[in-house]
Amino acid sequence: MPLSITLSDKEGIQTLELKGRLTLGTEDAFFRDRVEKVLAEGKTRIVVNLNEVTEIDDSGMESLLCAQEKCQEAGGHLVLSNLHPALIQPLTMAKLKASAEVFDAEQEGINSFFPDRRVAPIDISRYVRPVHGEEEESS
């Protein structure tokens, strides 16, 4: 399924709800273009909702990192929400974990922009399978 993006303003925060694949080609170019247009409008507080993303490849991961960098360069902040556990392993490999805040729900991502509502981002490493040579932690 090609990528579709629904843009909305929720409490002054721009939400981009992605549906489909975020992969090399028209999908990642479309995502980057949409983020650039939002930033060009001076809207620099962004939540990217990944609830209905079915696939992310290396280009998609790079697009998320690039969007975050561009948002920071514009003086803003970008967070991710609703990241499915099946997509977390590849994202961690791209070191997105170290550079992006990820929240369980879109509203938590929105709340993260308001100091009086601050919520802690999830630790996505709890979903990642150990890499060869690492031992699993017991629960």
N, C-alpha and C. Protein backbone atom coordinates (compact mmCIF):
# COMPACT_ATOMS: atom_id res chain seq x y z
N MET A 1 0.84 -1.18 0.00
CA MET A 1 0.00 0.00 0.00
C MET A 1 0.89 1.24 0.00
N PRO A 2 0.66 2.16 -0.94
CA PRO A 2 1.42 3.40 -0.95
C PRO A 2 1.16 4.22 0.32
N LEU A 3 2.02 5.17 0.57
CA LEU A 3 1.90 5.99 1.77
C LEU A 3 0.86 7.09 1.58
N SER A 4 0.01 7.25 2.59
CA SER A 4 -0.87 8.41 2.65
C SER A 4 -0.61 9.09 3.99
N ILE A 5 -0.77 10.41 3.99
CA ILE A 5 -0.50 11.19 5.20
C ILE A 5 -1.68 12.11 5.45
N THR A 6 -2.21 12.03 6.67
CA THR A 6 -3.27 12.94 7.09
C THR A 6 -2.65 13.93 8.06
N LEU A 7 -2.75 15.19 7.73
CA LEU A 7 -2.18 16.26 8.55
C LEU A 7 -3.30 16.92 9.34
N SER A 8 -3.07 17.11 10.63
CA SER A 8 -4.05 17.83 11.43
C SER A 8 -3.34 18.63 12.51
N ASP A 9 -4.07 19.60 13.05
CA ASP A 9 -3.56 20.43 14.13
C ASP A 9 -4.33 20.06 15.38
N LYS A 10 -3.61 19.59 16.38
CA LYS A 10 -4.23 19.22 17.64
C LYS A 10 -3.54 19.99 18.75
N GLU A 11 -4.25 20.94 19.30
CA GLU A 11 -3.73 21.78 20.39
C GLU A 11 -2.48 22.55 19.97
N GLY A 12 -2.40 22.93 18.70
CA GLY A 12 -1.25 23.66 18.21
C GLY A 12 -0.08 22.79 17.82
N ILE A 13 -0.24 21.49 17.92
CA ILE A 13 0.78 20.53 17.52
C ILE A 13 0.36 19.92 16.19
N GLN A 14 1.28 19.86 15.24
CA GLN A 14 0.98 19.25 13.95
C GLN A 14 1.12 17.73 14.07
N THR A 15 0.09 17.01 13.67
CA THR A 15 0.18 15.56 13.66
C THR A 15 0.15 15.08 12.22
N LEU A 16 1.07 14.19 11.92
CA LEU A 16 1.11 13.55 10.62
C LEU A 16 0.79 12.09 10.85
N GLU A 17 -0.38 11.66 10.42
CA GLU A 17 -0.79 10.26 10.58
C GLU A 17 -0.45 9.53 9.29
N LEU A 18 0.50 8.62 9.37
CA LEU A 18 0.97 7.89 8.21
C LEU A 18 0.21 6.57 8.08
N LYS A 19 -0.09 6.20 6.85
CA LYS A 19 -0.78 4.94 6.57
C LYS A 19 -0.13 4.32 5.34
N GLY A 20 0.35 3.09 5.50
CA GLY A 20 0.99 2.38 4.39
C GLY A 20 2.47 2.17 4.64
N ARG A 21 3.23 2.16 3.56
CA ARG A 21 4.67 1.90 3.63
C ARG A 21 5.45 3.21 3.67
N LEU A 22 6.51 3.22 4.44
CA LEU A 22 7.48 4.32 4.42
C LEU A 22 8.78 3.70 3.91
N THR A 23 8.87 3.62 2.57
CA THR A 23 9.96 2.91 1.92
C THR A 23 10.56 3.75 0.80
N LEU A 24 11.68 3.29 0.26
CA LEU A 24 12.40 3.97 -0.81
C LEU A 24 11.48 4.24 -1.99
N GLY A 25 11.57 5.45 -2.50
CA GLY A 25 10.80 5.81 -3.68
C GLY A 25 9.84 6.93 -3.40
N THR A 26 8.68 6.84 -3.97
CA THR A 26 7.70 7.91 -3.84
C THR A 26 7.23 8.10 -2.40
N GLU A 27 7.22 7.01 -1.62
CA GLU A 27 6.73 7.11 -0.24
C GLU A 27 7.64 7.97 0.63
N ASP A 28 8.94 7.67 0.65
CA ASP A 28 9.80 8.47 1.53
C ASP A 28 9.95 9.89 0.99
N ALA A 29 9.92 10.08 -0.33
CA ALA A 29 9.98 11.44 -0.90
C ALA A 29 8.72 12.23 -0.51
N PHE A 30 7.58 11.58 -0.54
CA PHE A 30 6.32 12.22 -0.17
C PHE A 30 6.35 12.64 1.30
N PHE A 31 6.85 11.77 2.18
CA PHE A 31 6.95 12.10 3.60
C PHE A 31 7.87 13.29 3.82
N ARG A 32 9.05 13.26 3.21
CA ARG A 32 10.01 14.37 3.38
C ARG A 32 9.41 15.69 2.88
N ASP A 33 8.74 15.63 1.75
CA ASP A 33 8.11 16.82 1.19
C ASP A 33 7.05 17.38 2.13
N ARG A 34 6.25 16.50 2.70
CA ARG A 34 5.18 16.94 3.60
C ARG A 34 5.77 17.61 4.84
N VAL A 35 6.82 17.02 5.40
CA VAL A 35 7.46 17.61 6.58
C VAL A 35 8.04 18.98 6.23
N GLU A 36 8.70 19.09 5.09
CA GLU A 36 9.28 20.37 4.68
C GLU A 36 8.20 21.44 4.52
N LYS A 37 7.04 21.08 3.98
CA LYS A 37 5.94 22.04 3.82
C LYS A 37 5.42 22.51 5.18
N VAL A 38 5.30 21.59 6.12
CA VAL A 38 4.84 21.95 7.47
C VAL A 38 5.83 22.92 8.11
N LEU A 39 7.11 22.62 8.01
CA LEU A 39 8.14 23.49 8.59
C LEU A 39 8.17 24.84 7.89
N ALA A 40 7.96 24.87 6.57
CA ALA A 40 7.95 26.13 5.82
C ALA A 40 6.80 27.04 6.27
N GLU A 41 5.75 26.44 6.82
CA GLU A 41 4.62 27.22 7.35
C GLU A 41 4.90 27.71 8.77
N GLY A 42 6.09 27.40 9.29
CA GLY A 42 6.47 27.84 10.63
C GLY A 42 5.94 26.95 11.74
N LYS A 43 5.46 25.78 11.38
CA LYS A 43 4.93 24.84 12.38
C LYS A 43 6.03 23.84 12.70
N THR A 44 6.58 23.96 13.90
CA THR A 44 7.78 23.19 14.23
C THR A 44 7.58 22.18 15.36
N ARG A 45 6.37 22.02 15.82
CA ARG A 45 6.09 21.00 16.85
C ARG A 45 5.27 19.92 16.18
N ILE A 46 5.89 18.73 16.00
CA ILE A 46 5.30 17.69 15.15
C ILE A 46 5.29 16.34 15.86
N VAL A 47 4.15 15.65 15.74
CA VAL A 47 4.02 14.26 16.15
C VAL A 47 3.79 13.43 14.89
N VAL A 48 4.62 12.42 14.66
CA VAL A 48 4.44 11.52 13.54
C VAL A 48 3.82 10.24 14.10
N ASN A 49 2.56 10.00 13.71
CA ASN A 49 1.81 8.85 14.18
C ASN A 49 2.04 7.69 13.21
N LEU A 50 2.68 6.63 13.69
CA LEU A 50 3.05 5.49 12.85
C LEU A 50 2.11 4.30 13.04
N ASN A 51 0.93 4.55 13.60
CA ASN A 51 0.01 3.47 13.93
C ASN A 51 -0.33 2.58 12.74
N GLU A 52 -0.49 3.16 11.55
CA GLU A 52 -0.91 2.37 10.40
C GLU A 52 0.19 2.18 9.37
N VAL A 53 1.44 2.31 9.82
CA VAL A 53 2.58 2.04 8.94
C VAL A 53 2.82 0.53 8.94
N THR A 54 2.87 -0.03 7.74
CA THR A 54 3.01 -1.48 7.61
C THR A 54 4.43 -1.93 7.36
N GLU A 55 5.27 -1.01 6.88
CA GLU A 55 6.65 -1.36 6.56
C GLU A 55 7.51 -0.11 6.58
N ILE A 56 8.72 -0.24 7.13
CA ILE A 56 9.71 0.83 7.08
C ILE A 56 11.02 0.19 6.66
N ASP A 57 11.63 0.73 5.61
CA ASP A 57 12.94 0.24 5.20
C ASP A 57 14.00 1.27 5.58
N ASP A 58 15.25 1.05 5.14
CA ASP A 58 16.34 1.96 5.49
C ASP A 58 16.07 3.39 5.05
N SER A 59 15.48 3.55 3.87
CA SER A 59 15.17 4.91 3.39
C SER A 59 14.10 5.56 4.25
N GLY A 60 13.13 4.78 4.68
CA GLY A 60 12.10 5.30 5.57
C GLY A 60 12.68 5.72 6.90
N MET A 61 13.60 4.92 7.43
CA MET A 61 14.26 5.28 8.68
C MET A 61 15.06 6.56 8.52
N GLU A 62 15.77 6.66 7.38
CA GLU A 62 16.55 7.87 7.11
C GLU A 62 15.63 9.08 6.98
N SER A 63 14.46 8.89 6.41
CA SER A 63 13.49 9.99 6.28
C SER A 63 13.02 10.48 7.65
N LEU A 64 12.80 9.55 8.58
CA LEU A 64 12.40 9.94 9.94
C LEU A 64 13.52 10.72 10.62
N LEU A 65 14.75 10.25 10.47
CA LEU A 65 15.89 10.94 11.07
C LEU A 65 16.08 12.32 10.44
N CYS A 66 15.93 12.40 9.14
CA CYS A 66 16.08 13.67 8.43
C CYS A 66 14.99 14.65 8.87
N ALA A 67 13.76 14.16 9.01
CA ALA A 67 12.66 15.02 9.45
C ALA A 67 12.94 15.57 10.84
N GLN A 68 13.47 14.72 11.71
CA GLN A 68 13.79 15.17 13.06
C GLN A 68 14.88 16.24 13.02
N GLU A 69 15.92 16.03 12.22
CA GLU A 69 17.00 17.01 12.11
C GLU A 69 16.50 18.35 11.57
N LYS A 70 15.69 18.30 10.53
CA LYS A 70 15.16 19.53 9.93
C LYS A 70 14.28 20.28 10.92
N CYS A 71 13.52 19.53 11.70
CA CYS A 71 12.67 20.15 12.72
C CYS A 71 13.53 20.84 13.78
N GLN A 72 14.59 20.18 14.22
CA GLN A 72 15.48 20.78 15.21
C GLN A 72 16.18 22.00 14.64
N GLU A 73 16.60 21.95 13.38
CA GLU A 73 17.25 23.09 12.74
C GLU A 73 16.30 24.29 12.67
N ALA A 74 15.00 24.01 12.58
CA ALA A 74 13.99 25.08 12.52
C ALA A 74 13.58 25.55 13.92
N GLY A 75 14.25 25.00 14.95
CA GLY A 75 13.96 25.40 16.32
C GLY A 75 12.81 24.65 16.94
N GLY A 76 12.44 23.53 16.35
CA GLY A 76 11.30 22.75 16.84
C GLY A 76 11.68 21.39 17.36
N HIS A 77 10.67 20.54 17.41
CA HIS A 77 10.85 19.21 17.96
C HIS A 77 9.88 18.26 17.27
N LEU A 78 10.32 17.05 17.00
CA LEU A 78 9.50 16.02 16.38
C LEU A 78 9.56 14.77 17.24
N VAL A 79 8.40 14.17 17.49
CA VAL A 79 8.33 12.91 18.24
C VAL A 79 7.54 11.90 17.43
N LEU A 80 7.71 10.63 17.78
CA LEU A 80 7.00 9.54 17.12
C LEU A 80 5.99 8.94 18.08
N SER A 81 4.89 8.42 17.53
CA SER A 81 3.92 7.73 18.37
C SER A 81 3.42 6.48 17.67
N ASN A 82 2.90 5.58 18.47
CA ASN A 82 2.25 4.35 17.98
C ASN A 82 3.15 3.49 17.11
N LEU A 83 4.36 3.32 17.54
CA LEU A 83 5.32 2.49 16.81
C LEU A 83 5.08 1.03 17.16
N HIS A 84 4.77 0.22 16.17
CA HIS A 84 4.51 -1.19 16.40
C HIS A 84 5.79 -1.93 16.76
N PRO A 85 5.74 -2.86 17.71
CA PRO A 85 6.94 -3.59 18.11
C PRO A 85 7.66 -4.26 16.94
N ALA A 86 6.93 -4.73 15.93
CA ALA A 86 7.56 -5.39 14.78
C ALA A 86 8.44 -4.43 13.99
N LEU A 87 8.19 -3.13 14.10
CA LEU A 87 8.98 -2.14 13.37
C LEU A 87 10.12 -1.58 14.21
N ILE A 88 10.14 -1.89 15.49
CA ILE A 88 11.13 -1.31 16.39
C ILE A 88 12.53 -1.85 16.13
N GLN A 89 12.69 -3.13 15.88
CA GLN A 89 14.01 -3.71 15.65
C GLN A 89 14.75 -2.99 14.52
N PRO A 90 14.14 -2.82 13.34
CA PRO A 90 14.87 -2.10 12.29
C PRO A 90 15.16 -0.66 12.65
N LEU A 91 14.24 -0.01 13.34
CA LEU A 91 14.46 1.39 13.72
C LEU A 91 15.61 1.51 14.69
N THR A 92 15.73 0.56 15.60
CA THR A 92 16.82 0.59 16.56
C THR A 92 18.15 0.42 15.84
N MET A 93 18.16 -0.43 14.84
CA MET A 93 19.40 -0.62 14.09
C MET A 93 19.83 0.67 13.42
N ALA A 94 18.90 1.53 13.11
CA ALA A 94 19.23 2.82 12.48
C ALA A 94 19.57 3.88 13.51
N LYS A 95 19.62 3.48 14.77
CA LYS A 95 19.95 4.37 15.88
C LYS A 95 18.90 5.46 16.10
N LEU A 96 17.67 5.20 15.61
CA LEU A 96 16.60 6.15 15.85
C LEU A 96 16.28 6.21 17.33
N LYS A 97 16.47 5.09 18.01
CA LYS A 97 16.20 5.04 19.44
C LYS A 97 16.98 6.11 20.19
N ALA A 98 18.22 6.32 19.79
CA ALA A 98 19.07 7.27 20.49
C ALA A 98 18.71 8.72 20.19
N SER A 99 18.00 8.94 19.10
CA SER A 99 17.77 10.32 18.69
C SER A 99 16.32 10.76 18.70
N ALA A 100 15.37 9.85 18.88
CA ALA A 100 13.96 10.24 18.80
C ALA A 100 13.21 9.82 20.06
N GLU A 101 12.25 10.65 20.42
CA GLU A 101 11.36 10.27 21.50
C GLU A 101 10.18 9.53 20.89
N VAL A 102 9.84 8.39 21.50
CA VAL A 102 8.75 7.56 21.00
C VAL A 102 7.73 7.40 22.12
N PHE A 103 6.47 7.60 21.78
CA PHE A 103 5.38 7.49 22.75
C PHE A 103 4.40 6.42 22.31
N ASP A 104 3.74 5.80 23.29
CA ASP A 104 2.78 4.74 23.00
C ASP A 104 1.58 5.23 22.22
N ALA A 105 1.16 6.45 22.45
CA ALA A 105 -0.06 6.97 21.82
C ALA A 105 0.17 8.40 21.32
N GLU A 106 -0.60 8.78 20.32
CA GLU A 106 -0.47 10.12 19.76
C GLU A 106 -0.70 11.20 20.82
N GLN A 107 -1.70 11.01 21.67
CA GLN A 107 -1.98 12.03 22.69
C GLN A 107 -0.81 12.19 23.65
N GLU A 108 -0.11 11.11 23.95
CA GLU A 108 1.08 11.22 24.80
C GLU A 108 2.16 12.03 24.10
N GLY A 109 2.30 11.84 22.78
CA GLY A 109 3.25 12.65 22.01
C GLY A 109 2.88 14.12 22.06
N ILE A 110 1.59 14.42 21.91
CA ILE A 110 1.12 15.80 22.00
C ILE A 110 1.39 16.35 23.39
N ASN A 111 1.07 15.58 24.41
CA ASN A 111 1.28 16.02 25.80
C ASN A 111 2.75 16.32 26.09
N SER A 112 3.66 15.66 25.39
CA SER A 112 5.08 15.87 25.65
C SER A 112 5.53 17.30 25.33
N PHE A 113 4.74 18.04 24.56
CA PHE A 113 5.07 19.42 24.24
C PHE A 113 4.63 20.41 25.31
N PHE A 114 3.90 19.92 26.30
CA PHE A 114 3.38 20.78 27.36
C PHE A 114 4.01 20.38 28.69
N PRO A 115 4.84 21.25 29.30
CA PRO A 115 5.57 20.89 30.52
C PRO A 115 4.68 20.38 31.65
N ASP A 116 3.48 20.91 31.78
CA ASP A 116 2.62 20.47 32.88
C ASP A 116 1.97 19.12 32.60
N ARG A 117 2.12 18.59 31.39
CA ARG A 117 1.55 17.29 31.03
C ARG A 117 2.63 16.28 30.69
N ARG A 118 3.84 16.60 30.94
CA ARG A 118 4.98 15.79 30.47
C ARG A 118 4.80 14.31 30.81
N VAL A 119 4.98 13.49 29.80
CA VAL A 119 4.94 12.04 29.96
C VAL A 119 6.29 11.48 29.51
N ALA A 120 6.65 10.36 30.05
CA ALA A 120 7.94 9.76 29.69
C ALA A 120 7.79 8.98 28.39
N PRO A 121 8.76 9.14 27.49
CA PRO A 121 8.73 8.33 26.27
C PRO A 121 8.98 6.87 26.63
N ILE A 122 8.58 5.96 25.75
CA ILE A 122 8.80 4.54 26.02
C ILE A 122 10.27 4.21 25.75
N ASP A 123 10.75 3.21 26.44
CA ASP A 123 12.09 2.70 26.20
C ASP A 123 11.94 1.58 25.19
N ILE A 124 12.20 1.88 23.91
CA ILE A 124 11.95 0.88 22.88
C ILE A 124 12.90 -0.30 22.95
N SER A 125 13.96 -0.21 23.72
CA SER A 125 14.88 -1.34 23.82
C SER A 125 14.22 -2.54 24.48
N ARG A 126 13.11 -2.32 25.18
CA ARG A 126 12.42 -3.46 25.80
C ARG A 126 11.78 -4.36 24.76
N TYR A 127 11.60 -3.84 23.54
CA TYR A 127 11.00 -4.63 22.47
C TYR A 127 12.01 -5.25 21.52
N VAL A 128 13.27 -4.91 21.67
CA VAL A 128 14.28 -5.33 20.72
C VAL A 128 14.86 -6.67 21.13
N ARG A 129 14.96 -7.55 20.14
CA ARG A 129 15.59 -8.85 20.39
C ARG A 129 17.07 -8.65 20.59
N PRO A 130 17.69 -9.43 21.47
CA PRO A 130 19.14 -9.28 21.67
C PRO A 130 19.90 -9.57 20.38
N VAL A 131 20.97 -8.83 20.18
CA VAL A 131 21.84 -9.04 19.04
C VAL A 131 22.76 -10.20 19.38
N HIS A 132 23.22 -10.93 18.38
CA HIS A 132 24.11 -12.07 18.59
C HIS A 132 25.22 -11.70 19.57
N GLY A 133 25.37 -12.50 20.59
CA GLY A 133 26.42 -12.26 21.58
C GLY A 133 25.90 -11.58 22.83
N GLU A 134 24.71 -11.03 22.79
CA GLU A 134 24.13 -10.40 23.97
C GLU A 134 23.18 -11.40 24.63
N GLU A 135 23.12 -11.35 25.92
CA GLU A 135 22.21 -12.24 26.63
C GLU A 135 20.90 -11.52 26.88
N GLU A 136 19.81 -12.31 26.84
CA GLU A 136 18.51 -11.73 27.15
C GLU A 136 18.41 -11.50 28.65
N GLU A 137 17.76 -10.40 29.01
CA GLU A 137 17.52 -10.14 30.42
C GLU A 137 16.30 -10.93 30.84
N SER A 138 16.34 -11.49 32.02
CA SER A 138 15.18 -12.22 32.50
C SER A 138 14.17 -11.26 33.07
N SER A 139 12.90 -11.56 32.88
CA SER A 139 11.85 -10.66 33.36
C SER A 139 11.54 -10.91 34.80
